[in-house]
Amino acid sequence: MERKVYRELASSIDARIRCNEKADDNSVMWYRRHTSYAEAIVKMFGPSGSGLDSGTQLDLSASTGEKLVFQTSFHHMNDVGSYDGWTEHTITVKASLIRDIDIKISGRDRNDIKDYLYDVFYWFLQETITEEQAKQLATEGE
């Protein structure tokens, strides 16, 4: 069984939220597992490097089963190849009946960086997670 990253994240976050609504010990354990699993997916597959030098963080408090929210920063370079500043971005992903996912990117569009970020996040979210990878990621957080 293979699933796209965005579906696996949304499923895990939705389960995490449902576990948080219960107060028993078993739900607390599963809440932690779902949290670790979602974070492991982003750590393994999430955009990092190539200007996204501080990586990508999943905003678990803002994400739901219907919306994924990521935080990232882009490290810009000038014409001679020296780093010359950062821009901060929030990437919000929702389901789309037409395109599978709809991606919105906030933050300054310095050097048309939002086009690049859109492509990078689109392909990250469209990657597939194999059953083997899912099992490996699930055991990492235990």
Protein backbone atom coordinates (compact mmCIF):
# COMPACT_ATOMS: atom_id res chain seq x y z
CA MET A 1 0.00 0.00 0.00
CA GLU A 2 1.39 3.38 -0.99
CA ARG A 3 -0.06 6.70 0.12
CA LYS A 4 0.84 10.25 -0.76
CA VAL A 5 2.62 12.28 1.91
CA TYR A 6 -0.22 14.78 2.26
CA ARG A 7 -2.77 12.02 2.84
CA GLU A 8 -0.59 10.24 5.37
CA LEU A 9 0.04 13.49 7.27
CA ALA A 10 -3.63 14.49 7.25
CA SER A 11 -4.67 11.04 8.47
CA SER A 12 -2.11 11.03 11.28
CA ILE A 13 -2.98 14.56 12.39
CA ASP A 14 -6.71 13.79 12.36
CA ALA A 15 -6.10 10.70 14.51
CA ARG A 16 -3.88 12.77 16.81
CA ILE A 17 -6.67 15.30 17.34
CA ARG A 18 -9.23 12.58 18.04
CA CYS A 19 -6.89 10.99 20.60
CA ASN A 20 -6.45 14.36 22.30
CA GLU A 21 -10.22 14.60 22.81
CA LYS A 22 -10.13 11.51 25.04
CA ALA A 23 -8.56 11.45 28.47
CA ASP A 24 -7.50 7.84 28.97
CA ASP A 25 -3.94 6.48 29.08
CA ASN A 26 -4.30 4.59 25.79
CA SER A 27 -5.33 7.76 23.95
CA VAL A 28 -2.36 9.65 25.40
CA MET A 29 -0.02 6.94 24.12
CA TRP A 30 -1.58 7.04 20.62
CA TYR A 31 -1.56 10.86 20.62
CA ARG A 32 2.21 10.73 21.14
CA ARG A 33 2.65 8.07 18.45
CA HIS A 34 0.66 10.03 15.90
CA THR A 35 2.63 13.18 16.77
CA SER A 36 5.96 11.37 16.38
CA TYR A 37 4.84 9.75 13.14
CA ALA A 38 3.79 13.06 11.54
CA GLU A 39 7.04 14.71 12.62
CA ALA A 40 9.06 11.75 11.27
CA ILE A 41 7.35 12.05 7.87
CA VAL A 42 8.31 15.72 7.63
CA LYS A 43 11.83 14.99 8.81
CA MET A 44 12.30 12.25 6.18
CA PHE A 45 10.49 13.82 3.21
CA GLY A 46 10.18 17.54 4.00
CA PRO A 47 12.00 20.19 1.98
CA SER A 48 15.43 21.02 3.37
CA GLY A 49 18.51 22.59 1.80
CA SER A 50 18.67 24.45 -1.54
CA GLY A 51 17.80 27.68 0.23
CA LEU A 52 15.50 26.05 2.78
CA ASP A 53 18.49 25.84 5.07
CA SER A 54 16.51 25.68 8.30
CA GLY A 55 14.29 22.89 6.96
CA THR A 56 10.54 22.58 7.23
CA GLN A 57 8.47 22.37 10.40
CA LEU A 58 4.93 21.04 10.60
CA ASP A 59 2.76 23.37 12.70
CA LEU A 60 0.87 20.72 14.65
CA SER A 61 -1.22 23.25 16.57
CA ALA A 62 -2.57 24.81 13.33
CA SER A 63 -2.89 21.60 11.29
CA THR A 64 -5.99 19.40 11.10
CA GLY A 65 -7.16 16.49 9.00
CA GLU A 66 -8.42 19.06 6.49
CA LYS A 67 -5.49 21.50 6.56
CA LEU A 68 -1.72 21.12 6.84
CA VAL A 69 0.37 24.09 7.94
CA PHE A 70 4.15 24.26 7.56
CA GLN A 71 6.69 26.89 8.57
CA THR A 72 9.88 27.46 6.62
CA SER A 73 12.48 30.11 5.85
CA PHE A 74 14.32 30.75 2.62
CA HIS A 75 17.95 31.88 2.61
CA HIS A 76 18.39 34.24 -0.35
CA MET A 77 21.57 34.91 -2.30
CA ASN A 78 22.62 38.03 -4.17
CA ASP A 79 24.00 38.24 -7.73
CA VAL A 80 27.53 37.30 -6.66
CA GLY A 81 26.48 34.21 -4.69
CA SER A 82 26.64 35.60 -1.15
CA TYR A 83 23.81 35.03 1.28
CA ASP A 84 21.95 38.28 1.87
CA GLY A 85 18.90 37.60 4.03
CA TRP A 86 15.98 35.38 4.86
CA THR A 87 12.26 35.37 4.16
CA GLU A 88 9.80 33.58 6.44
CA HIS A 89 6.91 31.62 4.97
CA THR A 90 3.82 29.75 6.09
CA ILE A 91 2.63 27.09 3.68
CA THR A 92 -1.04 26.13 4.07
CA VAL A 93 -2.32 23.07 2.25
CA LYS A 94 -6.00 22.18 1.84
CA ALA A 95 -7.84 19.58 -0.17
CA SER A 96 -8.98 20.53 -3.66
CA LEU A 97 -11.65 18.78 -5.70
CA ILE A 98 -9.87 19.84 -8.88
CA ARG A 99 -6.14 19.42 -8.11
CA ASP A 100 -5.93 17.08 -5.08
CA ILE A 101 -4.33 19.85 -3.02
CA ASP A 102 -4.41 23.64 -2.90
CA ILE A 103 -1.26 25.36 -1.63
CA LYS A 104 -1.16 28.91 -0.26
CA ILE A 105 2.15 30.56 0.62
CA SER A 106 2.40 33.58 2.88
CA GLY A 107 5.39 35.84 3.38
CA ARG A 108 7.33 38.21 1.21
CA ASP A 109 7.69 37.20 -2.45
CA ARG A 110 11.31 38.30 -2.72
CA ASN A 111 12.83 37.24 -6.07
CA ASP A 112 9.56 35.44 -6.93
CA ILE A 113 10.43 32.82 -4.31
CA LYS A 114 6.81 31.76 -3.88
CA ASP A 115 6.83 30.07 -7.30
CA TYR A 116 9.84 28.01 -6.26
CA LEU A 117 8.32 27.19 -2.86
CA TYR A 118 5.07 26.12 -4.50
CA ASP A 119 6.91 23.63 -6.71
CA VAL A 120 9.06 22.30 -3.87
CA PHE A 121 6.09 21.78 -1.53
CA TYR A 122 3.83 20.38 -4.25
CA TRP A 123 6.33 17.64 -5.08
CA PHE A 124 7.09 16.95 -1.41
CA LEU A 125 3.39 16.46 -0.67
CA GLN A 126 2.85 14.30 -3.78
CA GLU A 127 5.64 11.87 -2.88
CA THR A 128 4.51 8.39 -1.95
CA ILE A 129 5.20 6.61 1.29
CA THR A 130 5.53 2.86 0.90
CA GLU A 131 4.19 0.48 3.50
CA GLU A 132 7.78 -0.35 4.45
CA GLN A 133 8.66 3.33 4.95
CA ALA A 134 5.48 3.87 6.98
CA LYS A 135 6.42 1.00 9.31
CA GLN A 136 9.95 2.36 9.70
CA LEU A 137 8.68 5.88 10.47
CA ALA A 138 6.12 4.56 12.94
CA THR A 139 8.76 2.69 14.95
CA GLU A 140 11.19 5.65 15.05
CA GLY A 141 8.96 7.60 17.41
CA GLU A 142 8.39 4.78 19.90
